[in-house]
Amino acid sequence: MSLLLTISLTSCSAHVAGEISFSLIFCVLVITCCMTLRIRHFWVSRLLYASLHFSLGKAFLLTLAWRRERRLPLSIWVFFW
């Protein structure tokens, strides 16, 4: 039973690390697109900035959860996924 729990926690850690790195890479891509294309349309820039804030917020929350993963129930990972 403890082996199964260890495997679950390890896979959760890998999943969270992947989510954090994906969110940060997405943020860099959005910033690069905004700077390169010099988007002037209001709604397009707002959409990109909203997605940027969502990704940063998700990375921040996942980092907090990752630090406390031993205290949080495993169902929290389903919420973030």
C-alpha atoms as a PDB file:
ATOM      1  CA  MET A   1       0.000   0.000   0.000  1.00  0.00           C
ATOM      2  CA  SER A   2       2.791   2.436   0.863  1.00  0.00           C
ATOM      3  CA  LEU A   3       4.520   1.563  -2.423  1.00  0.00           C
ATOM      4  CA  LEU A   4       1.365   2.493  -4.331  1.00  0.00           C
ATOM      5  CA  LEU A   5       1.121   5.775  -2.418  1.00  0.00           C
ATOM      6  CA  THR A   6       4.789   6.532  -3.149  1.00  0.00           C
ATOM      7  CA  ILE A   7       4.276   5.855  -6.861  1.00  0.00           C
ATOM      8  CA  SER A   8       1.186   8.093  -6.848  1.00  0.00           C
ATOM      9  CA  LEU A   9       3.045  10.935  -5.142  1.00  0.00           C
ATOM     10  CA  THR A  10       5.982  10.590  -7.520  1.00  0.00           C
ATOM     11  CA  SER A  11       3.745  10.719 -10.577  1.00  0.00           C
ATOM     12  CA  CYS A  12       1.920  13.720  -9.104  1.00  0.00           C
ATOM     13  CA  SER A  13       5.236  15.496  -8.600  1.00  0.00           C
ATOM     14  CA  ALA A  14       6.234  14.822 -12.201  1.00  0.00           C
ATOM     15  CA  HIS A  15       2.828  15.979 -13.425  1.00  0.00           C
ATOM     16  CA  VAL A  16       3.030  19.196 -11.401  1.00  0.00           C
ATOM     17  CA  ALA A  17       6.571  19.885 -12.615  1.00  0.00           C
ATOM     18  CA  GLY A  18       5.404  19.429 -16.200  1.00  0.00           C
ATOM     19  CA  GLU A  19       2.452  21.756 -15.666  1.00  0.00           C
ATOM     20  CA  ILE A  20       4.663  24.443 -14.132  1.00  0.00           C
ATOM     21  CA  SER A  21       7.215  24.271 -16.931  1.00  0.00           C
ATOM     22  CA  PHE A  22       4.457  24.323 -19.584  1.00  0.00           C
ATOM     23  CA  SER A  23       2.849  27.377 -17.968  1.00  0.00           C
ATOM     24  CA  LEU A  24       6.146  29.247 -17.845  1.00  0.00           C
ATOM     25  CA  ILE A  25       7.013  28.352 -21.456  1.00  0.00           C
ATOM     26  CA  PHE A  26       3.552  29.515 -22.527  1.00  0.00           C
ATOM     27  CA  CYS A  27       4.125  32.825 -20.715  1.00  0.00           C
ATOM     28  CA  VAL A  28       7.409  33.346 -22.542  1.00  0.00           C
ATOM     29  CA  LEU A  29       5.745  32.572 -25.889  1.00  0.00           C
ATOM     30  CA  VAL A  30       2.917  35.043 -25.236  1.00  0.00           C
ATOM     31  CA  ILE A  31       5.350  37.801 -24.268  1.00  0.00           C
ATOM     32  CA  THR A  32       7.492  37.071 -27.332  1.00  0.00           C
ATOM     33  CA  CYS A  33       4.460  37.174 -29.642  1.00  0.00           C
ATOM     34  CA  CYS A  34       3.291  40.464 -28.160  1.00  0.00           C
ATOM     35  CA  MET A  35       6.714  42.054 -28.545  1.00  0.00           C
ATOM     36  CA  THR A  36       7.469  40.636 -31.989  1.00  0.00           C
ATOM     37  CA  LEU A  37       4.113  41.214 -33.639  1.00  0.00           C
ATOM     38  CA  ARG A  38       3.435  44.498 -31.830  1.00  0.00           C
ATOM     39  CA  ILE A  39      -0.209  43.654 -31.634  1.00  0.00           C
ATOM     40  CA  ARG A  40      -2.304  46.788 -31.755  1.00  0.00           C
ATOM     41  CA  HIS A  41      -5.788  45.301 -31.755  1.00  0.00           C
ATOM     42  CA  PHE A  42      -7.305  45.837 -28.328  1.00  0.00           C
ATOM     43  CA  TRP A  43      -9.210  42.570 -28.036  1.00  0.00           C
ATOM     44  CA  VAL A  44      -6.302  40.401 -29.238  1.00  0.00           C
ATOM     45  CA  SER A  45      -3.869  41.959 -26.788  1.00  0.00           C
ATOM     46  CA  ARG A  46      -6.394  41.620 -23.943  1.00  0.00           C
ATOM     47  CA  LEU A  47      -6.935  37.972 -24.802  1.00  0.00           C
ATOM     48  CA  LEU A  48      -3.189  37.297 -24.811  1.00  0.00           C
ATOM     49  CA  TYR A  49      -2.669  39.137 -21.536  1.00  0.00           C
ATOM     50  CA  ALA A  50      -5.569  37.263 -19.933  1.00  0.00           C
ATOM     51  CA  SER A  51      -4.060  33.935 -20.975  1.00  0.00           C
ATOM     52  CA  LEU A  52      -0.688  35.110 -19.663  1.00  0.00           C
ATOM     53  CA  HIS A  53      -2.161  35.951 -16.261  1.00  0.00           C
ATOM     54  CA  PHE A  54      -4.001  32.632 -16.165  1.00  0.00           C
ATOM     55  CA  SER A  55      -0.790  30.709 -16.873  1.00  0.00           C
ATOM     56  CA  LEU A  56       1.181  32.664 -14.289  1.00  0.00           C
ATOM     57  CA  GLY A  57      -1.541  32.129 -11.708  1.00  0.00           C
ATOM     58  CA  LYS A  58      -1.722  28.431 -12.477  1.00  0.00           C
ATOM     59  CA  ALA A  59       2.060  28.087 -12.184  1.00  0.00           C
ATOM     60  CA  PHE A  60       1.981  29.940  -8.857  1.00  0.00           C
ATOM     61  CA  LEU A  61      -0.811  27.784  -7.427  1.00  0.00           C
ATOM     62  CA  LEU A  62       0.831  24.581  -8.627  1.00  0.00           C
ATOM     63  CA  THR A  63       4.108  25.655  -7.030  1.00  0.00           C
ATOM     64  CA  LEU A  64       2.349  26.236  -3.718  1.00  0.00           C
ATOM     65  CA  ALA A  65       0.615  22.875  -3.955  1.00  0.00           C
ATOM     66  CA  TRP A  66       3.848  21.143  -4.907  1.00  0.00           C
ATOM     67  CA  ARG A  67       5.572  22.476  -1.794  1.00  0.00           C
ATOM     68  CA  ARG A  68       2.797  21.086   0.387  1.00  0.00           C
ATOM     69  CA  GLU A  69       2.009  17.923  -1.548  1.00  0.00           C
ATOM     70  CA  ARG A  70       2.435  15.643   1.446  1.00  0.00           C
ATOM     71  CA  ARG A  71      -0.187  17.570   3.383  1.00  0.00           C
ATOM     72  CA  LEU A  72      -2.703  17.864   0.551  1.00  0.00           C
ATOM     73  CA  PRO A  73      -5.023  15.028  -0.474  1.00  0.00           C
ATOM     74  CA  LEU A  74      -4.414  13.479  -3.867  1.00  0.00           C
ATOM     75  CA  SER A  75      -7.773  14.766  -5.116  1.00  0.00           C
ATOM     76  CA  ILE A  76      -6.254  18.263  -5.322  1.00  0.00           C
ATOM     77  CA  TRP A  77      -4.233  17.125  -8.356  1.00  0.00           C
ATOM     78  CA  VAL A  78      -7.426  16.244 -10.223  1.00  0.00           C
ATOM     79  CA  PHE A  79      -8.611  19.821  -9.637  1.00  0.00           C
ATOM     80  CA  PHE A  80      -5.424  21.291 -11.111  1.00  0.00           C
ATOM     81  CA  TRP A  81      -5.348  18.815 -13.991  1.00  0.00           C
END
